[in-house]
Protein backbone atom coordinates (compact mmCIF):
# COMPACT_ATOMS: atom_id res chain seq x y z
CA MET A 1 62.49 232.00 53.90
CA SER A 2 59.91 229.71 52.54
CA ILE A 3 56.75 228.56 53.65
CA ASP A 4 56.13 224.27 53.56
CA LYS A 5 53.48 224.53 51.97
CA THR A 6 52.29 220.40 53.31
CA SER A 7 52.53 222.18 56.56
CA ALA A 8 49.34 224.47 55.64
CA ALA A 9 45.85 224.50 58.16
CA PRO A 10 43.39 221.83 57.78
CA ASP A 11 41.46 225.04 57.02
CA ASP A 12 42.92 226.47 53.67
CA HIS A 13 42.36 222.03 52.49
CA VAL A 14 40.29 222.41 48.97
CA VAL A 15 37.41 220.11 48.86
CA GLU A 16 37.84 218.70 45.03
CA ASN A 17 34.50 216.93 44.97
CA PRO A 18 32.52 219.22 47.10
CA GLU A 19 29.01 216.98 45.60
CA ALA A 20 30.16 213.83 47.17
CA ALA A 21 31.33 215.57 50.36
CA LYS A 22 27.92 216.61 51.40
CA ALA A 23 26.63 213.33 50.38
CA ALA A 24 28.99 211.88 52.74
CA VAL A 25 28.00 213.80 55.64
CA THR A 26 24.12 213.62 55.19
CA VAL A 27 22.19 211.15 56.73
CA VAL A 28 18.47 211.08 56.44
CA ASP A 29 16.71 210.15 59.71
CA PRO A 30 14.16 206.90 58.47
CA ARG A 31 11.33 208.46 60.10
CA LEU A 32 11.34 211.65 57.77
CA LEU A 33 11.71 209.13 54.82
CA VAL A 34 8.30 206.92 56.00
CA ARG A 35 6.24 209.40 56.66
CA GLU A 36 7.04 210.71 53.51
CA GLN A 37 6.45 208.06 51.60
CA GLY A 38 2.62 208.08 53.31
CA LEU A 39 1.13 204.77 53.45
CA LYS A 40 3.13 202.86 51.90
CA GLY A 41 6.57 204.04 54.36
CA TYR A 42 3.97 203.41 57.08
CA VAL A 43 3.04 199.40 55.88
CA SER A 44 7.21 199.20 55.10
CA GLU A 45 8.26 200.25 58.95
CA PHE A 46 5.71 198.27 59.82
CA LYS A 47 6.89 195.05 58.53
CA ARG A 48 10.20 195.84 59.28
CA LYS A 49 9.52 195.91 63.17
CA MET A 50 7.85 192.66 63.22
CA LYS A 51 10.95 191.43 61.10
CA SER A 52 13.21 192.76 64.26
CA GLY A 53 10.84 191.75 66.70
CA ASP A 54 9.65 195.26 67.75
CA LEU A 55 6.25 194.44 68.68
CA GLY A 56 5.13 196.81 71.39
CA SER A 57 1.93 196.31 72.47
CA ILE A 58 0.94 194.42 69.51
CA PRO A 59 0.33 191.24 71.11
CA VAL A 60 -1.44 192.04 73.66
CA VAL A 61 -3.82 194.33 72.17
CA ILE A 62 -4.99 191.07 69.55
CA GLY A 63 -4.84 189.04 72.66
CA LEU A 64 -7.58 191.28 74.54
CA ALA A 65 -9.96 191.71 71.17
CA ILE A 66 -9.39 187.27 70.75
CA ILE A 67 -10.68 186.97 74.46
CA TRP A 68 -13.65 189.24 74.19
CA LEU A 69 -14.24 187.97 70.72
CA ILE A 70 -14.66 183.87 72.34
CA PHE A 71 -16.27 185.32 75.92
CA THR A 72 -18.70 187.26 73.37
CA SER A 73 -19.52 184.30 71.31
CA LEU A 74 -20.07 182.21 74.49
CA ASN A 75 -22.33 184.72 76.27
CA SER A 76 -23.95 187.74 74.77
CA ASN A 77 -23.93 189.56 78.71
CA PHE A 78 -19.94 189.61 78.46
CA LEU A 79 -19.72 193.22 76.50
CA THR A 80 -23.19 194.38 78.12
CA ALA A 81 -22.70 197.87 80.15
CA GLY A 82 -22.72 196.54 83.75
CA ASN A 83 -20.47 194.28 82.54
CA LEU A 84 -17.51 196.24 81.65
CA SER A 85 -18.39 198.59 84.11
CA ASP A 86 -18.08 196.17 86.72
CA MET A 87 -14.68 195.61 85.34
CA SER A 88 -13.67 198.15 84.91
CA VAL A 89 -13.83 199.21 88.45
CA ALA A 90 -12.79 196.02 89.92
CA MET A 91 -9.69 195.85 87.96
CA VAL A 92 -8.32 198.86 89.20
CA GLY A 93 -7.52 197.55 92.50
CA THR A 94 -4.95 195.03 91.30
CA GLY A 95 -4.11 197.13 88.29
CA MET A 96 -2.58 200.04 90.78
CA ILE A 97 -0.57 197.97 92.22
CA ALA A 98 0.55 196.68 88.94
CA VAL A 99 1.99 200.48 88.05
CA GLY A 100 4.14 200.09 91.12
CA ILE A 101 5.17 196.64 89.35
CA VAL A 102 6.37 198.38 86.41
CA PHE A 103 9.03 200.50 87.67
CA VAL A 104 10.50 197.55 89.42
CA LEU A 105 10.67 195.37 86.54
CA LEU A 106 12.05 198.19 84.14
CA LEU A 107 14.81 198.45 86.60
CA GLY A 108 14.80 194.23 86.13
CA GLU A 109 14.06 193.38 88.98
CA ILE A 110 11.21 192.20 91.46
CA ASP A 111 9.00 193.14 94.09
CA LEU A 112 6.94 189.82 96.00
CA SER A 113 5.66 191.76 98.83
CA VAL A 114 3.55 194.11 97.06
CA GLY A 115 0.50 191.42 97.83
CA SER A 116 1.22 191.63 101.87
CA VAL A 117 1.82 195.90 102.05
CA SER A 118 -1.18 195.95 100.29
CA GLY A 119 -2.92 194.55 102.87
CA VAL A 120 -1.55 196.22 105.67
CA ALA A 121 -2.79 199.31 103.91
CA GLY A 122 -6.52 198.09 104.39
CA ALA A 123 -5.75 196.68 108.08
CA SER A 124 -3.61 200.47 109.01
CA PHE A 125 -6.81 202.24 107.59
CA ALA A 126 -8.99 200.05 109.39
CA VAL A 127 -8.08 200.22 112.91
CA LEU A 128 -7.26 203.09 112.70
CA ASN A 129 -10.09 205.18 111.80
CA VAL A 130 -13.10 202.02 112.57
CA THR A 131 -11.11 201.01 115.55
CA ASN A 132 -9.45 204.08 117.05
CA GLY A 133 -11.45 206.60 115.98
CA MET A 134 -8.82 208.79 113.66
CA ASN A 135 -9.73 210.94 111.58
CA GLU A 136 -10.59 209.40 107.84
CA TRP A 137 -7.93 211.77 105.48
CA LEU A 138 -5.11 211.48 108.08
CA ALA A 139 -5.59 206.99 108.11
CA PHE A 140 -6.44 207.62 104.38
CA VAL A 141 -2.47 209.76 104.60
CA LEU A 142 -1.27 207.43 106.75
CA ALA A 143 -2.86 204.07 105.25
CA ILE A 144 -0.82 205.06 102.36
CA LEU A 145 2.51 206.27 103.69
CA THR A 146 2.85 202.41 105.52
CA GLY A 147 3.30 201.55 101.94
CA THR A 148 5.66 204.35 101.38
CA VAL A 149 7.77 203.11 104.47
CA ALA A 150 7.95 199.07 103.68
CA GLY A 151 9.29 200.15 99.79
CA VAL A 152 11.83 202.27 101.25
CA LEU A 153 12.84 199.89 104.01
CA HIS A 154 13.07 197.23 100.68
CA GLY A 155 14.80 199.37 98.42
CA PHE A 156 17.51 200.38 101.38
CA PHE A 157 18.27 196.53 101.68
CA PHE A 158 18.69 195.95 98.33
CA ALA A 159 20.54 199.80 97.13
CA LYS A 160 22.52 200.36 100.57
CA ILE A 161 23.83 196.28 101.93
CA GLY A 162 22.99 194.50 98.55
CA VAL A 163 21.06 192.02 99.71
CA PRO A 164 19.07 190.58 96.14
CA ALA A 165 15.97 192.12 95.14
CA PHE A 166 14.22 188.51 95.49
CA ALA A 167 14.92 187.88 99.09
CA VAL A 168 14.58 191.42 100.56
CA THR A 169 11.02 191.43 98.84
CA LEU A 170 10.35 187.87 99.75
CA ALA A 171 11.05 188.04 103.81
CA GLY A 172 8.90 191.41 102.97
CA LEU A 173 5.92 189.51 102.26
CA LEU A 174 6.03 187.07 105.00
CA PHE A 175 6.62 190.00 107.33
CA TRP A 176 4.08 192.14 106.44
CA ASN A 177 1.89 189.75 106.26
CA GLY A 178 1.86 188.25 110.02
CA PHE A 179 2.26 192.39 110.32
CA MET A 180 -1.14 192.69 108.85
CA LEU A 181 -2.49 190.12 110.97
CA GLN A 182 -0.71 191.12 114.04
CA ILE A 183 -2.71 194.01 113.88
CA LEU A 184 -6.29 192.78 112.80
CA GLY A 185 -6.32 191.04 116.06
CA ASP A 186 -8.17 187.91 117.21
CA ASN A 187 -11.65 188.86 115.46
CA GLY A 188 -9.52 189.19 112.00
CA THR A 189 -12.77 191.38 110.31
CA ILE A 190 -12.90 195.05 110.45
CA ASN A 191 -16.13 196.58 108.48
CA LEU A 192 -15.59 200.31 106.61
CA ASP A 193 -17.71 202.77 107.16
CA PRO A 194 -19.76 202.20 103.54
CA ASP A 195 -20.67 206.00 102.51
CA GLY A 196 -16.67 206.53 103.92
CA VAL A 197 -14.04 207.74 101.69
CA VAL A 198 -12.28 204.83 101.45
CA ALA A 199 -15.90 202.86 100.02
CA GLN A 200 -16.85 205.84 97.82
CA LEU A 201 -13.07 204.75 95.92
CA THR A 202 -14.74 202.02 94.11
CA SER A 203 -19.05 202.77 95.13
CA TYR A 204 -19.51 206.15 93.48
CA TYR A 205 -20.20 207.08 90.35
CA PHE A 206 -20.11 210.14 88.93
CA SER A 207 -24.09 209.41 87.19
CA ASP A 208 -24.34 213.26 85.10
CA VAL A 209 -23.75 211.70 81.69
CA ALA A 210 -21.76 215.24 81.08
CA ALA A 211 -18.93 213.54 83.54
CA ALA A 212 -17.85 210.79 81.50
CA TYR A 213 -18.19 212.72 77.98
CA GLY A 214 -16.70 215.83 79.34
CA LEU A 215 -13.21 213.73 80.36
CA ALA A 216 -13.42 211.55 77.37
CA ALA A 217 -13.28 215.15 75.46
CA VAL A 218 -10.28 216.04 78.33
CA VAL A 219 -8.49 213.45 77.34
CA THR A 220 -8.93 214.01 73.49
CA ALA A 221 -7.95 217.12 73.71
CA GLY A 222 -5.22 216.77 76.02
CA PHE A 223 -3.71 213.99 73.74
CA PHE A 224 -3.87 216.40 70.66
CA LEU A 225 -2.27 219.49 72.32
CA SER A 226 0.39 217.46 73.74
CA SER A 227 1.08 216.08 70.43
CA PHE A 228 1.29 219.14 68.68
CA LEU A 229 3.44 221.17 70.73
CA GLY A 230 5.57 218.43 71.01
CA ASN A 231 6.09 218.49 67.58
CA ARG A 232 6.73 221.84 66.96
CA ARG A 233 9.36 221.98 70.06
CA ARG A 234 10.91 219.26 67.81
CA GLU A 235 10.99 220.91 64.54
CA ALA A 236 11.85 223.90 66.63
CA ALA A 237 15.12 222.14 67.46
CA GLY A 238 15.52 220.09 63.89
CA VAL A 239 14.66 217.03 65.22
CA PRO A 240 12.33 214.27 63.11
CA SER A 241 8.72 214.70 64.25
CA ARG A 242 5.10 213.57 63.54
CA PRO A 243 3.21 215.29 60.54
CA LEU A 244 -0.02 217.52 61.90
CA SER A 245 -2.24 214.68 59.10
CA GLU A 246 -0.63 212.11 61.23
CA THR A 247 -1.44 213.33 65.16
CA ILE A 248 -5.12 214.39 63.67
CA VAL A 249 -5.59 210.45 62.39
CA ARG A 250 -4.37 209.72 65.91
CA THR A 251 -6.29 212.34 67.97
CA VAL A 252 -9.72 210.79 65.72
CA LEU A 253 -8.81 207.32 66.59
CA LEU A 254 -8.33 208.21 69.96
CA ALA A 255 -11.83 210.02 70.21
CA VAL A 256 -13.18 206.95 69.26
CA LEU A 257 -12.23 204.92 71.90
CA ALA A 258 -13.01 207.74 74.53
CA PHE A 259 -16.51 208.32 73.44
CA THR A 260 -16.88 204.96 73.02
CA VAL A 261 -16.25 203.73 76.57
CA ALA A 262 -17.80 206.85 77.74
CA ILE A 263 -21.16 205.82 76.38
CA VAL A 264 -20.77 202.48 77.51
CA PHE A 265 -20.20 204.61 81.44
CA ASN A 266 -23.48 206.38 80.84
CA GLN A 267 -26.09 203.10 79.67
CA TYR A 268 -24.79 201.49 83.23
CA LYS A 269 -24.24 204.20 86.55
CA GLY A 270 -21.65 206.67 84.70
CA LEU A 271 -18.50 207.27 85.11
CA PRO A 272 -16.34 205.22 87.85
CA LEU A 273 -14.87 207.74 90.21
CA ALA A 274 -12.05 204.32 90.52
CA VAL A 275 -11.52 204.56 86.53
CA VAL A 276 -11.14 208.59 86.85
CA ILE A 277 -8.28 208.27 89.32
CA PHE A 278 -6.56 204.50 87.29
CA ILE A 279 -6.46 207.22 84.57
CA ALA A 280 -4.80 210.16 86.12
CA VAL A 281 -2.27 208.02 87.75
CA LEU A 282 -1.18 206.29 84.26
CA LEU A 283 -1.19 209.83 82.90
CA VAL A 284 0.72 210.54 85.74
CA THR A 285 3.38 208.35 85.82
CA ASP A 286 3.70 207.64 82.35
CA PHE A 287 4.67 211.40 81.68
CA VAL A 288 7.41 211.09 84.90
CA LEU A 289 8.75 208.06 83.11
CA ARG A 290 8.80 209.87 79.04
CA ARG A 291 9.16 213.27 79.88
CA THR A 292 11.30 213.98 83.64
CA ALA A 293 15.50 213.05 83.88
CA TYR A 294 13.89 210.83 86.68
CA GLY A 295 12.26 208.74 84.23
CA ARG A 296 15.14 208.58 81.93
CA LYS A 297 17.64 207.36 85.03
CA VAL A 298 14.96 204.35 85.50
CA PHE A 299 15.47 203.51 82.03
CA ALA A 300 19.42 204.16 81.83
CA LEU A 301 19.47 201.42 85.13
CA GLY A 302 17.23 199.19 83.25
CA GLY A 303 19.71 199.52 80.18
CA SER A 304 23.03 199.09 82.12
CA VAL A 305 23.64 199.41 86.08
CA GLU A 306 27.28 200.21 85.15
CA ALA A 307 27.09 202.78 82.51
CA SER A 308 24.70 204.29 84.38
CA ARG A 309 26.86 205.01 87.69
CA ARG A 310 29.66 206.31 85.20
CA ALA A 311 27.25 208.52 83.57
CA GLY A 312 26.79 210.39 87.21
CA ILE A 313 23.34 209.08 88.28
CA ASN A 314 22.81 207.85 91.80
CA VAL A 315 22.12 204.30 91.05
CA GLU A 316 21.38 204.07 95.12
CA MET A 317 19.13 206.78 94.97
CA VAL A 318 17.10 205.49 92.16
CA ARG A 319 16.56 201.94 93.02
CA ILE A 320 15.00 203.34 96.84
CA SER A 321 12.75 205.99 95.29
CA VAL A 322 11.15 202.78 92.46
CA PHE A 323 10.63 200.90 95.87
CA ALA A 324 9.37 203.71 97.33
CA ILE A 325 7.17 203.98 94.85
CA ALA A 326 6.29 199.99 94.28
CA GLY A 327 5.32 200.41 98.15
CA THR A 328 3.13 203.09 97.44
CA PHE A 329 1.13 201.92 94.78
CA ALA A 330 0.43 198.90 96.49
CA ALA A 331 -1.06 200.60 99.34
CA VAL A 332 -3.00 202.51 97.18
CA GLY A 333 -4.75 199.54 95.55
CA GLY A 334 -4.48 197.70 98.62
CA LEU A 335 -7.53 200.58 99.93
CA PHE A 336 -9.57 200.06 96.77
CA ILE A 337 -9.18 196.61 97.19
CA ALA A 338 -10.62 197.01 100.75
CA SER A 339 -12.96 199.53 99.19
CA LYS A 340 -14.54 196.68 96.88
CA ILE A 341 -15.11 194.78 99.80
CA ALA A 342 -15.62 197.67 102.75
CA ALA A 343 -14.04 195.30 105.01
CA ALA A 344 -10.36 194.66 105.82
CA ASN A 345 -9.78 191.18 106.75
CA GLN A 346 -7.26 188.41 107.28
CA GLY A 347 -7.13 187.33 103.94
CA ALA A 348 -6.36 190.91 102.31
CA GLY A 349 -3.10 190.49 100.15
CA GLY A 350 -2.97 186.89 99.67
CA GLY A 351 -4.35 184.68 96.94
CA ASP A 352 -3.73 185.39 93.18
CA LEU A 353 -3.30 189.08 94.44
CA LEU A 354 0.92 189.33 94.07
CA MET A 355 0.77 187.24 90.70
CA ASN A 356 -1.98 188.90 89.09
CA ALA A 357 0.11 191.85 89.60
CA ILE A 358 3.06 190.44 88.56
CA ALA A 359 1.46 189.30 85.63
CA ALA A 360 -0.26 192.18 84.55
CA ALA A 361 2.70 194.39 84.35
CA VAL A 362 4.75 191.44 82.46
CA ILE A 363 1.33 190.28 80.18
CA GLY A 364 0.69 194.52 79.48
CA GLY A 365 4.04 194.45 77.64
CA THR A 366 7.02 194.94 80.28
CA SER A 367 9.52 193.40 79.94
CA LEU A 368 10.94 190.88 82.76
CA PHE A 369 14.51 192.15 81.64
CA GLY A 370 14.80 195.76 82.47
CA GLY A 371 14.84 198.52 80.53
CA ARG A 372 11.62 198.08 78.65
CA GLY A 373 7.79 199.56 78.97
CA ARG A 374 5.47 201.76 80.16
CA THR A 375 3.10 202.04 83.16
CA TRP A 376 0.21 201.97 80.40
CA ASN A 377 0.81 198.19 80.42
CA ALA A 378 -0.56 197.83 83.74
CA LEU A 379 -3.82 198.87 82.40
CA LEU A 380 -3.85 196.56 78.95
CA GLY A 381 -2.27 193.60 81.19
CA VAL A 382 -4.88 193.65 83.99
CA LEU A 383 -7.68 194.29 81.50
CA VAL A 384 -6.50 190.86 79.82
CA ILE A 385 -6.62 189.38 83.74
CA VAL A 386 -9.76 190.69 84.64
CA SER A 387 -11.61 189.85 81.21
CA ILE A 388 -10.67 186.24 82.02
CA GLN A 389 -12.34 185.95 84.88
CA TYR A 390 -15.23 187.77 84.65
CA GLY A 391 -15.60 185.42 81.04
CA LEU A 392 -14.88 182.15 82.93
CA ALA A 393 -17.18 183.36 85.89
CA LEU A 394 -20.32 184.43 83.68
CA GLU A 395 -19.60 180.55 82.36
CA GLY A 396 -19.88 179.46 85.99
CA ILE A 397 -16.04 177.60 85.44
CA ALA A 398 -14.33 177.17 88.72
CA SER A 399 -11.27 179.28 89.39
CA PRO A 400 -8.49 176.14 88.96
CA VAL A 401 -9.02 176.55 85.13
CA GLN A 402 -8.94 180.52 85.56
CA TYR A 403 -5.49 180.01 86.93
CA MET A 404 -4.46 177.53 84.82
CA ILE A 405 -5.37 180.50 81.84
CA THR A 406 -4.10 183.55 83.51
CA GLY A 407 -0.59 180.81 83.78
CA GLY A 408 -0.85 179.82 80.01
CA VAL A 409 -1.08 183.60 79.19
CA LEU A 410 1.52 184.21 80.94
CA LEU A 411 4.14 182.29 80.17
CA ALA A 412 2.58 183.04 76.24
CA THR A 413 3.88 186.72 77.06
CA VAL A 414 7.13 185.66 78.65
CA VAL A 415 8.35 183.49 75.77
CA ILE A 416 7.27 186.42 73.23
CA ASP A 417 9.39 189.00 75.58
CA ALA A 418 12.57 186.26 75.11
CA VAL A 419 11.80 186.28 71.44
CA THR A 420 11.13 189.94 71.18
CA ARG A 421 15.17 189.91 72.65
CA LYS A 422 16.67 187.80 70.81
CA THR A 423 15.40 189.10 67.53
CA GLN A 424 16.70 191.93 68.57
CA LYS A 425 20.15 191.19 69.21
CA THR A 426 20.03 189.55 65.66
CA ALA A 427 19.14 192.62 64.10
CA GLY A 428 21.53 194.49 65.94
CA ARG A 429 19.37 196.84 67.81
CA ALA A 430 19.48 195.38 71.94
């Protein structure tokens, strides 16, 4: 019986040109090429990113440097230890709210209620603790939970009922503002215990110089260990990783920044508790977004809701949880703001707080279109806004001008974001 040689199994095929076949399947990761080329490779990669619109945080860092240079030239007190320390404490309340906004913006949505929710949290604590004599810590926890509950309600109507987030949170803005006014009563202002838990959030400083230097050392060491161990895991998995030399350079740069900040704090009152809490929040939330399955789901929804649903992601629950997170951080931010003035009043959560919180997230680099951003963007953005406010205040310039300048910076940021997306689509990266 004859055998048809043409029907032989694929494994029996003979490769006539092994070198060509090998070249055809070998793909070199461009990141490896960049690092193998040394400094020249990084310069080429930087140019490529600029051409493709992958700007990252570069615009806001450059903008912040320009703002500081301008105000320093106008007033030598701008970069004094006292002013910088006051700025760092003042930015925490708005910064906390902006962290929650980052989560919502990653979905491509918006939350207009965070200002009112922050006011409710401060008012709730004051009523429970001062008016009704409840234990401070219990009142503190319940005040934060008011923000969580508000966020869950907003998320439910948005995710389950299908009401647009804009409409739901706009209704929330009005409702929670009215609720705050109702619980504050006719007096309208409740003063907090100046030595209490909430008041200490922004008034307590670690006066021992070892505290600031210790935190700088811990942050630097933590960054190095995280980067080093991450690279080891990537190498073990056969994935491109940074060389040790690059990790060391990054660590040294971070150390210079961290210890410079520590020196500035120690020249004034010491390390502010508010800054410690804010940095801790940024580290935890950044880890959640970048290193956990939940964070990947948030980014996935910001990229494509339908694709996420087909991938088995529980879209409704992720959306509800994100608005719950936004509400929780709004409440935390509200307590820091109440701490700053040691009181809860009818003006809490109003004024430019909402716009500053959203502007901070966007100016810092979080995309309004969803799917791109980090919680560290909240730090950069709020630092820009507070720098403008304090710089203009030192020059005696009225608030209307502050609003106009902040609005101009926000518009420029959104324009950059839109142009970046357009450029990335043209480059085939969107």
